[in-house]
Amino acid sequence: EARIALEGRTRVLGTAHPETAISREILASVLRYQGRNDE
């Protein structure tokens, strides 16, 4: 779900938009919960 949101926001809003940044942070937090810190 986080990837869907990030990919869509990147396409629709661009990489520099605040909502896109929020999506990046949410995806990163999910990855960290899985121990995938480098990713």
ModelCIF file with pLDDT and N, C-alpha, C, O atoms, coordinates in Angstrom:
data_MODEL
#
_entry.id   MODEL 
#
_entity.id                         1 
_entity.type                       polymer 
_entity.pdbx_number_of_molecules   1 
#
_entity_poly.entity_id                      1 
_entity_poly.type                           'polypeptide(L)' 
_entity_poly.nstd_linkage                   no 
_entity_poly.nstd_monomer                   no 
_entity_poly.pdbx_seq_one_letter_code       EARIALEGRTRVLGTAHPETAISREILASVLRYQGRNDE 
_entity_poly.pdbx_seq_one_letter_code_can   EARIALEGRTRVLGTAHPETAISREILASVLRYQGRNDE 
_entity_poly.pdbx_strand_id                 A 
#
loop_
_entity_poly_seq.entity_id 
_entity_poly_seq.num 
_entity_poly_seq.mon_id 
_entity_poly_seq.hetero 
1 1  GLU n 
1 2  ALA n 
1 3  ARG n 
1 4  ILE n 
1 5  ALA n 
1 6  LEU n 
1 7  GLU n 
1 8  GLY n 
1 9  ARG n 
1 10 THR n 
1 11 ARG n 
1 12 VAL n 
1 13 LEU n 
1 14 GLY n 
1 15 THR n 
1 16 ALA n 
1 17 HIS n 
1 18 PRO n 
1 19 GLU n 
1 20 THR n 
1 21 ALA n 
1 22 ILE n 
1 23 SER n 
1 24 ARG n 
1 25 GLU n 
1 26 ILE n 
1 27 LEU n 
1 28 ALA n 
1 29 SER n 
1 30 VAL n 
1 31 LEU n 
1 32 ARG n 
1 33 TYR n 
1 34 GLN n 
1 35 GLY n 
1 36 ARG n 
1 37 ASN n 
1 38 ASP n 
1 39 GLU n 
#
_struct_asym.id          A 
_struct_asym.entity_id   1 
#
loop_
_ma_qa_metric.id 
_ma_qa_metric.mode 
_ma_qa_metric.name 
_ma_qa_metric.software_group_id 
_ma_qa_metric.type 
1 global pLDDT . pLDDT 
2 local  pLDDT . pLDDT 
#
_ma_qa_metric_global.metric_id      1 
_ma_qa_metric_global.metric_value   96.38 
_ma_qa_metric_global.model_id       1 
_ma_qa_metric_global.ordinal_id     1 
#
loop_
_ma_qa_metric_local.label_asym_id 
_ma_qa_metric_local.label_comp_id 
_ma_qa_metric_local.label_seq_id 
_ma_qa_metric_local.metric_id 
_ma_qa_metric_local.metric_value 
_ma_qa_metric_local.model_id 
_ma_qa_metric_local.ordinal_id 
A GLU 1  2 97.00 1 1  
A ALA 2  2 97.00 1 2  
A ARG 3  2 98.00 1 3  
A ILE 4  2 98.00 1 4  
A ALA 5  2 97.00 1 5  
A LEU 6  2 98.00 1 6  
A GLU 7  2 97.00 1 7  
A GLY 8  2 97.00 1 8  
A ARG 9  2 97.00 1 9  
A THR 10 2 97.00 1 10 
A ARG 11 2 97.00 1 11 
A VAL 12 2 95.00 1 12 
A LEU 13 2 95.00 1 13 
A GLY 14 2 96.00 1 14 
A THR 15 2 95.00 1 15 
A ALA 16 2 95.00 1 16 
A HIS 17 2 96.00 1 17 
A PRO 18 2 96.00 1 18 
A GLU 19 2 95.00 1 19 
A THR 20 2 96.00 1 20 
A ALA 21 2 96.00 1 21 
A ILE 22 2 95.00 1 22 
A SER 23 2 96.00 1 23 
A ARG 24 2 97.00 1 24 
A GLU 25 2 96.00 1 25 
A ILE 26 2 96.00 1 26 
A LEU 27 2 97.00 1 27 
A ALA 28 2 97.00 1 28 
A SER 29 2 96.00 1 29 
A VAL 30 2 97.00 1 30 
A LEU 31 2 97.00 1 31 
A ARG 32 2 97.00 1 32 
A TYR 33 2 95.00 1 33 
A GLN 34 2 95.00 1 34 
A GLY 35 2 96.00 1 35 
A ARG 36 2 97.00 1 36 
A ASN 37 2 96.00 1 37 
A ASP 38 2 97.00 1 38 
A GLU 39 2 97.00 1 39 
#
loop_
_atom_site.group_PDB 
_atom_site.id 
_atom_site.type_symbol 
_atom_site.label_atom_id 
_atom_site.label_alt_id 
_atom_site.label_comp_id 
_atom_site.label_asym_id 
_atom_site.label_entity_id 
_atom_site.label_seq_id 
_atom_site.pdbx_PDB_ins_code 
_atom_site.Cartn_x 
_atom_site.Cartn_y 
_atom_site.Cartn_z 
_atom_site.occupancy 
_atom_site.B_iso_or_equiv 
_atom_site.pdbx_formal_charge 
_atom_site.auth_seq_id 
_atom_site.auth_comp_id 
_atom_site.auth_asym_id 
_atom_site.auth_atom_id 
_atom_site.pdbx_PDB_model_num 
ATOM 1   N N  . GLU A 1 1  ? 0.832  -1.210 0.000   1.00 97.00 ? 1  GLU A N  1 
ATOM 2   C CA . GLU A 1 1  ? 0.000  0.000  0.000   1.00 97.00 ? 1  GLU A CA 1 
ATOM 3   C C  . GLU A 1 1  ? 0.864  1.256  0.000   1.00 97.00 ? 1  GLU A C  1 
ATOM 4   O O  . GLU A 1 1  ? 0.560  2.224  -0.697  1.00 97.00 ? 1  GLU A O  1 
ATOM 5   N N  . ALA A 1 2  ? 1.939  1.238  0.782   1.00 97.00 ? 2  ALA A N  1 
ATOM 6   C CA . ALA A 1 2  ? 2.835  2.397  0.824   1.00 97.00 ? 2  ALA A CA 1 
ATOM 7   C C  . ALA A 1 2  ? 3.498  2.627  -0.526  1.00 97.00 ? 2  ALA A C  1 
ATOM 8   O O  . ALA A 1 2  ? 3.688  3.771  -0.939  1.00 97.00 ? 2  ALA A O  1 
ATOM 9   N N  . ARG A 1 3  ? 3.848  1.560  -1.206  1.00 98.00 ? 3  ARG A N  1 
ATOM 10  C CA . ARG A 1 3  ? 4.462  1.695  -2.536  1.00 98.00 ? 3  ARG A CA 1 
ATOM 11  C C  . ARG A 1 3  ? 3.464  2.246  -3.558  1.00 98.00 ? 3  ARG A C  1 
ATOM 12  O O  . ARG A 1 3  ? 3.828  3.072  -4.396  1.00 98.00 ? 3  ARG A O  1 
ATOM 13  N N  . ILE A 1 4  ? 2.227  1.798  -3.494  1.00 98.00 ? 4  ILE A N  1 
ATOM 14  C CA . ILE A 1 4  ? 1.198  2.331  -4.395  1.00 98.00 ? 4  ILE A CA 1 
ATOM 15  C C  . ILE A 1 4  ? 1.059  3.835  -4.192  1.00 98.00 ? 4  ILE A C  1 
ATOM 16  O O  . ILE A 1 4  ? 1.018  4.602  -5.154  1.00 98.00 ? 4  ILE A O  1 
ATOM 17  N N  . ALA A 1 5  ? 0.987  4.247  -2.922  1.00 97.00 ? 5  ALA A N  1 
ATOM 18  C CA . ALA A 1 5  ? 0.844  5.672  -2.620  1.00 97.00 ? 5  ALA A CA 1 
ATOM 19  C C  . ALA A 1 5  ? 2.055  6.466  -3.094  1.00 97.00 ? 5  ALA A C  1 
ATOM 20  O O  . ALA A 1 5  ? 1.905  7.528  -3.698  1.00 97.00 ? 5  ALA A O  1 
ATOM 21  N N  . LEU A 1 6  ? 3.251  5.957  -2.822  1.00 98.00 ? 6  LEU A N  1 
ATOM 22  C CA . LEU A 1 6  ? 4.463  6.677  -3.217  1.00 98.00 ? 6  LEU A CA 1 
ATOM 23  C C  . LEU A 1 6  ? 4.582  6.773  -4.735  1.00 98.00 ? 6  LEU A C  1 
ATOM 24  O O  . LEU A 1 6  ? 4.870  7.846  -5.264  1.00 98.00 ? 6  LEU A O  1 
ATOM 25  N N  . GLU A 1 7  ? 4.370  5.687  -5.427  1.00 97.00 ? 7  GLU A N  1 
ATOM 26  C CA . GLU A 1 7  ? 4.485  5.704  -6.884  1.00 97.00 ? 7  GLU A CA 1 
ATOM 27  C C  . GLU A 1 7  ? 3.446  6.636  -7.502  1.00 97.00 ? 7  GLU A C  1 
ATOM 28  O O  . GLU A 1 7  ? 3.756  7.389  -8.426  1.00 97.00 ? 7  GLU A O  1 
ATOM 29  N N  . GLY A 1 8  ? 2.216  6.587  -6.995  1.00 97.00 ? 8  GLY A N  1 
ATOM 30  C CA . GLY A 1 8  ? 1.170  7.461  -7.521  1.00 97.00 ? 8  GLY A CA 1 
ATOM 31  C C  . GLY A 1 8  ? 1.451  8.926  -7.234  1.00 97.00 ? 8  GLY A C  1 
ATOM 32  O O  . GLY A 1 8  ? 1.304  9.776  -8.112  1.00 97.00 ? 8  GLY A O  1 
ATOM 33  N N  . ARG A 1 9  ? 1.851  9.215  -6.019  1.00 97.00 ? 9  ARG A N  1 
ATOM 34  C CA . ARG A 1 9  ? 2.151  10.613 -5.675  1.00 97.00 ? 9  ARG A CA 1 
ATOM 35  C C  . ARG A 1 9  ? 3.349  11.129 -6.451  1.00 97.00 ? 9  ARG A C  1 
ATOM 36  O O  . ARG A 1 9  ? 3.388  12.303 -6.819  1.00 97.00 ? 9  ARG A O  1 
ATOM 37  N N  . THR A 1 10 ? 4.317  10.280 -6.701  1.00 97.00 ? 10 THR A N  1 
ATOM 38  C CA . THR A 1 10 ? 5.470  10.703 -7.487  1.00 97.00 ? 10 THR A CA 1 
ATOM 39  C C  . THR A 1 10 ? 5.029  11.080 -8.900  1.00 97.00 ? 10 THR A C  1 
ATOM 40  O O  . THR A 1 10 ? 5.467  12.097 -9.436  1.00 97.00 ? 10 THR A O  1 
ATOM 41  N N  . ARG A 1 11 ? 4.165  10.264 -9.503  1.00 97.00 ? 11 ARG A N  1 
ATOM 42  C CA . ARG A 1 11 ? 3.666  10.554 -10.852 1.00 97.00 ? 11 ARG A CA 1 
ATOM 43  C C  . ARG A 1 11 ? 2.785  11.799 -10.879 1.00 97.00 ? 11 ARG A C  1 
ATOM 44  O O  . ARG A 1 11 ? 2.933  12.648 -11.758 1.00 97.00 ? 11 ARG A O  1 
ATOM 45  N N  . VAL A 1 12 ? 1.870  11.908 -9.919  1.00 95.00 ? 12 VAL A N  1 
ATOM 46  C CA . VAL A 1 12 ? 0.868  12.971 -9.932  1.00 95.00 ? 12 VAL A CA 1 
ATOM 47  C C  . VAL A 1 12 ? 1.409  14.289 -9.389  1.00 95.00 ? 12 VAL A C  1 
ATOM 48  O O  . VAL A 1 12 ? 1.136  15.350 -9.951  1.00 95.00 ? 12 VAL A O  1 
ATOM 49  N N  . LEU A 1 13 ? 2.166  14.229 -8.313  1.00 95.00 ? 13 LEU A N  1 
ATOM 50  C CA . LEU A 1 13 ? 2.597  15.440 -7.622  1.00 95.00 ? 13 LEU A CA 1 
ATOM 51  C C  . LEU A 1 13 ? 4.059  15.799 -7.844  1.00 95.00 ? 13 LEU A C  1 
ATOM 52  O O  . LEU A 1 13 ? 4.456  16.948 -7.652  1.00 95.00 ? 13 LEU A O  1 
ATOM 53  N N  . GLY A 1 14 ? 4.859  14.820 -8.248  1.00 96.00 ? 14 GLY A N  1 
ATOM 54  C CA . GLY A 1 14 ? 6.282  15.051 -8.433  1.00 96.00 ? 14 GLY A CA 1 
ATOM 55  C C  . GLY A 1 14 ? 7.080  14.650 -7.197  1.00 96.00 ? 14 GLY A C  1 
ATOM 56  O O  . GLY A 1 14 ? 6.529  14.428 -6.118  1.00 96.00 ? 14 GLY A O  1 
ATOM 57  N N  . THR A 1 15 ? 8.381  14.567 -7.387  1.00 95.00 ? 15 THR A N  1 
ATOM 58  C CA . THR A 1 15 ? 9.250  14.068 -6.312  1.00 95.00 ? 15 THR A CA 1 
ATOM 59  C C  . THR A 1 15 ? 9.440  15.057 -5.173  1.00 95.00 ? 15 THR A C  1 
ATOM 60  O O  . THR A 1 15 ? 9.749  14.651 -4.053  1.00 95.00 ? 15 THR A O  1 
ATOM 61  N N  . ALA A 1 16 ? 9.261  16.354 -5.437  1.00 95.00 ? 16 ALA A N  1 
ATOM 62  C CA . ALA A 1 16 ? 9.546  17.367 -4.415  1.00 95.00 ? 16 ALA A CA 1 
ATOM 63  C C  . ALA A 1 16 ? 8.324  17.764 -3.592  1.00 95.00 ? 16 ALA A C  1 
ATOM 64  O O  . ALA A 1 16 ? 8.449  18.565 -2.665  1.00 95.00 ? 16 ALA A O  1 
ATOM 65  N N  . HIS A 1 17 ? 7.167  17.234 -3.900  1.00 96.00 ? 17 HIS A N  1 
ATOM 66  C CA . HIS A 1 17 ? 5.938  17.619 -3.190  1.00 96.00 ? 17 HIS A CA 1 
ATOM 67  C C  . HIS A 1 17 ? 5.953  17.071 -1.765  1.00 96.00 ? 17 HIS A C  1 
ATOM 68  O O  . HIS A 1 17 ? 6.421  15.955 -1.541  1.00 96.00 ? 17 HIS A O  1 
ATOM 69  N N  . PRO A 1 18 ? 5.447  17.843 -0.792  1.00 96.00 ? 18 PRO A N  1 
ATOM 70  C CA . PRO A 1 18 ? 5.415  17.372 0.605   1.00 96.00 ? 18 PRO A CA 1 
ATOM 71  C C  . PRO A 1 18 ? 4.667  16.052 0.803   1.00 96.00 ? 18 PRO A C  1 
ATOM 72  O O  . PRO A 1 18 ? 5.083  15.234 1.624   1.00 96.00 ? 18 PRO A O  1 
ATOM 73  N N  . GLU A 1 19 ? 3.583  15.828 0.075   1.00 95.00 ? 19 GLU A N  1 
ATOM 74  C CA . GLU A 1 19 ? 2.846  14.569 0.217   1.00 95.00 ? 19 GLU A CA 1 
ATOM 75  C C  . GLU A 1 19 ? 3.672  13.382 -0.283  1.00 95.00 ? 19 GLU A C  1 
ATOM 76  O O  . GLU A 1 19 ? 3.579  12.281 0.260   1.00 95.00 ? 19 GLU A O  1 
ATOM 77  N N  . THR A 1 20 ? 4.471  13.611 -1.310  1.00 96.00 ? 20 THR A N  1 
ATOM 78  C CA . THR A 1 20 ? 5.364  12.556 -1.798  1.00 96.00 ? 20 THR A CA 1 
ATOM 79  C C  . THR A 1 20 ? 6.411  12.234 -0.741  1.00 96.00 ? 20 THR A C  1 
ATOM 80  O O  . THR A 1 20 ? 6.740  11.069 -0.520  1.00 96.00 ? 20 THR A O  1 
ATOM 81  N N  . ALA A 1 21 ? 6.932  13.267 -0.090  1.00 96.00 ? 21 ALA A N  1 
ATOM 82  C CA . ALA A 1 21 ? 7.916  13.060 0.983   1.00 96.00 ? 21 ALA A CA 1 
ATOM 83  C C  . ALA A 1 21 ? 7.304  12.262 2.133   1.00 96.00 ? 21 ALA A C  1 
ATOM 84  O O  . ALA A 1 21 ? 7.959  11.391 2.706   1.00 96.00 ? 21 ALA A O  1 
ATOM 85  N N  . ILE A 1 22 ? 6.066  12.553 2.465   1.00 95.00 ? 22 ILE A N  1 
ATOM 86  C CA . ILE A 1 22 ? 5.381  11.795 3.520   1.00 95.00 ? 22 ILE A CA 1 
ATOM 87  C C  . ILE A 1 22 ? 5.278  10.328 3.125   1.00 95.00 ? 22 ILE A C  1 
ATOM 88  O O  . ILE A 1 22 ? 5.507  9.440  3.946   1.00 95.00 ? 22 ILE A O  1 
ATOM 89  N N  . SER A 1 23 ? 4.932  10.077 1.864   1.00 96.00 ? 23 SER A N  1 
ATOM 90  C CA . SER A 1 23 ? 4.837  8.684  1.396   1.00 96.00 ? 23 SER A CA 1 
ATOM 91  C C  . SER A 1 23 ? 6.177  7.972  1.476   1.00 96.00 ? 23 SER A C  1 
ATOM 92  O O  . SER A 1 23 ? 6.236  6.793  1.824   1.00 96.00 ? 23 SER A O  1 
ATOM 93  N N  . ARG A 1 24 ? 7.260  8.684  1.152   1.00 97.00 ? 24 ARG A N  1 
ATOM 94  C CA . ARG A 1 24 ? 8.592  8.085  1.276   1.00 97.00 ? 24 ARG A CA 1 
ATOM 95  C C  . ARG A 1 24 ? 8.872  7.709  2.731   1.00 97.00 ? 24 ARG A C  1 
ATOM 96  O O  . ARG A 1 24 ? 9.385  6.623  3.002   1.00 97.00 ? 24 ARG A O  1 
ATOM 97  N N  . GLU A 1 25 ? 8.542  8.587  3.656   1.00 96.00 ? 25 GLU A N  1 
ATOM 98  C CA . GLU A 1 25 ? 8.776  8.313  5.081   1.00 96.00 ? 25 GLU A CA 1 
ATOM 99  C C  . GLU A 1 25 ? 7.954  7.121  5.573   1.00 96.00 ? 25 GLU A C  1 
ATOM 100 O O  . GLU A 1 25 ? 8.443  6.303  6.353   1.00 96.00 ? 25 GLU A O  1 
ATOM 101 N N  . ILE A 1 26 ? 6.722  7.030  5.121   1.00 96.00 ? 26 ILE A N  1 
ATOM 102 C CA . ILE A 1 26 ? 5.872  5.913  5.543   1.00 96.00 ? 26 ILE A CA 1 
ATOM 103 C C  . ILE A 1 26 ? 6.414  4.599  5.001   1.00 96.00 ? 26 ILE A C  1 
ATOM 104 O O  . ILE A 1 26 ? 6.490  3.611  5.731   1.00 96.00 ? 26 ILE A O  1 
ATOM 105 N N  . LEU A 1 27 ? 6.792  4.577  3.724   1.00 97.00 ? 27 LEU A N  1 
ATOM 106 C CA . LEU A 1 27 ? 7.383  3.359  3.171   1.00 97.00 ? 27 LEU A CA 1 
ATOM 107 C C  . LEU A 1 27 ? 8.656  3.004  3.920   1.00 97.00 ? 27 LEU A C  1 
ATOM 108 O O  . LEU A 1 27 ? 8.876  1.837  4.245   1.00 97.00 ? 27 LEU A O  1 
ATOM 109 N N  . ALA A 1 28 ? 9.496  3.990  4.198   1.00 97.00 ? 28 ALA A N  1 
ATOM 110 C CA . ALA A 1 28 ? 10.738 3.726  4.929   1.00 97.00 ? 28 ALA A CA 1 
ATOM 111 C C  . ALA A 1 28 ? 10.451 3.137  6.305   1.00 97.00 ? 28 ALA A C  1 
ATOM 112 O O  . ALA A 1 28 ? 11.164 2.241  6.757   1.00 97.00 ? 28 ALA A O  1 
ATOM 113 N N  . SER A 1 29 ? 9.415  3.634  6.972   1.00 96.00 ? 29 SER A N  1 
ATOM 114 C CA . SER A 1 29 ? 9.111  3.103  8.306   1.00 96.00 ? 29 SER A CA 1 
ATOM 115 C C  . SER A 1 29 ? 8.670  1.650  8.231   1.00 96.00 ? 29 SER A C  1 
ATOM 116 O O  . SER A 1 29 ? 9.033  0.848  9.092   1.00 96.00 ? 29 SER A O  1 
ATOM 117 N N  . VAL A 1 30 ? 7.889  1.301  7.206   1.00 97.00 ? 30 VAL A N  1 
ATOM 118 C CA . VAL A 1 30 ? 7.466  -0.093 7.035   1.00 97.00 ? 30 VAL A CA 1 
ATOM 119 C C  . VAL A 1 30 ? 8.684  -0.976 6.782   1.00 97.00 ? 30 VAL A C  1 
ATOM 120 O O  . VAL A 1 30 ? 8.788  -2.073 7.331   1.00 97.00 ? 30 VAL A O  1 
ATOM 121 N N  . LEU A 1 31 ? 9.595  -0.498 5.957   1.00 97.00 ? 31 LEU A N  1 
ATOM 122 C CA . LEU A 1 31 ? 10.809 -1.272 5.671   1.00 97.00 ? 31 LEU A CA 1 
ATOM 123 C C  . LEU A 1 31 ? 11.645 -1.445 6.946   1.00 97.00 ? 31 LEU A C  1 
ATOM 124 O O  . LEU A 1 31 ? 12.206 -2.516 7.176   1.00 97.00 ? 31 LEU A O  1 
ATOM 125 N N  . ARG A 1 32 ? 11.729 -0.412 7.760   1.00 97.00 ? 32 ARG A N  1 
ATOM 126 C CA . ARG A 1 32 ? 12.501 -0.514 9.012   1.00 97.00 ? 32 ARG A CA 1 
ATOM 127 C C  . ARG A 1 32 ? 11.875 -1.523 9.972   1.00 97.00 ? 32 ARG A C  1 
ATOM 128 O O  . ARG A 1 32 ? 12.590 -2.262 10.649  1.00 97.00 ? 32 ARG A O  1 
ATOM 129 N N  . TYR A 1 33 ? 10.542 -1.558 10.033  1.00 95.00 ? 33 TYR A N  1 
ATOM 130 C CA . TYR A 1 33 ? 9.871  -2.554 10.870  1.00 95.00 ? 33 TYR A CA 1 
ATOM 131 C C  . TYR A 1 33 ? 10.233 -3.969 10.432  1.00 95.00 ? 33 TYR A C  1 
ATOM 132 O O  . TYR A 1 33 ? 10.190 -4.903 11.232  1.00 95.00 ? 33 TYR A O  1 
ATOM 133 N N  . GLN A 1 34 ? 10.589 -4.122 9.167   1.00 95.00 ? 34 GLN A N  1 
ATOM 134 C CA . GLN A 1 34 ? 10.973 -5.435 8.643   1.00 95.00 ? 34 GLN A CA 1 
ATOM 135 C C  . GLN A 1 34 ? 12.478 -5.669 8.741   1.00 95.00 ? 34 GLN A C  1 
ATOM 136 O O  . GLN A 1 34 ? 12.975 -6.700 8.289   1.00 95.00 ? 34 GLN A O  1 
ATOM 137 N N  . GLY A 1 35 ? 13.205 -4.725 9.325   1.00 96.00 ? 35 GLY A N  1 
ATOM 138 C CA . GLY A 1 35 ? 14.646 -4.850 9.456   1.00 96.00 ? 35 GLY A CA 1 
ATOM 139 C C  . GLY A 1 35 ? 15.407 -4.541 8.181   1.00 96.00 ? 35 GLY A C  1 
ATOM 140 O O  . GLY A 1 35 ? 16.577 -4.904 8.054   1.00 96.00 ? 35 GLY A O  1 
ATOM 141 N N  . ARG A 1 36 ? 14.765 -3.880 7.244   1.00 97.00 ? 36 ARG A N  1 
ATOM 142 C CA . ARG A 1 36 ? 15.372 -3.559 5.956   1.00 97.00 ? 36 ARG A CA 1 
ATOM 143 C C  . ARG A 1 36 ? 15.857 -2.109 5.960   1.00 97.00 ? 36 ARG A C  1 
ATOM 144 O O  . ARG A 1 36 ? 15.417 -1.285 5.159   1.00 97.00 ? 36 ARG A O  1 
ATOM 145 N N  . ASN A 1 37 ? 16.771 -1.824 6.880   1.00 96.00 ? 37 ASN A N  1 
ATOM 146 C CA . ASN A 1 37 ? 17.217 -0.451 7.118   1.00 96.00 ? 37 ASN A CA 1 
ATOM 147 C C  . ASN A 1 37 ? 17.953 0.162  5.939   1.00 96.00 ? 37 ASN A C  1 
ATOM 148 O O  . ASN A 1 37 ? 17.762 1.342  5.644   1.00 96.00 ? 37 ASN A O  1 
ATOM 149 N N  . ASP A 1 38 ? 18.781 -0.606 5.265   1.00 97.00 ? 38 ASP A N  1 
ATOM 150 C CA . ASP A 1 38 ? 19.507 -0.063 4.109   1.00 97.00 ? 38 ASP A CA 1 
ATOM 151 C C  . ASP A 1 38 ? 18.538 0.359  3.014   1.00 97.00 ? 38 ASP A C  1 
ATOM 152 O O  . ASP A 1 38 ? 18.699 1.421  2.412   1.00 97.00 ? 38 ASP A O  1 
ATOM 153 N N  . GLU A 1 39 ? 17.543 -0.464 2.758   1.00 97.00 ? 39 GLU A N  1 
ATOM 154 C CA . GLU A 1 39 ? 16.549 -0.126 1.741   1.00 97.00 ? 39 GLU A CA 1 
ATOM 155 C C  . GLU A 1 39 ? 15.736 1.094  2.158   1.00 97.00 ? 39 GLU A C  1 
ATOM 156 O O  . GLU A 1 39 ? 14.849 1.526  1.423   1.00 97.00 ? 39 GLU A O  1 
#
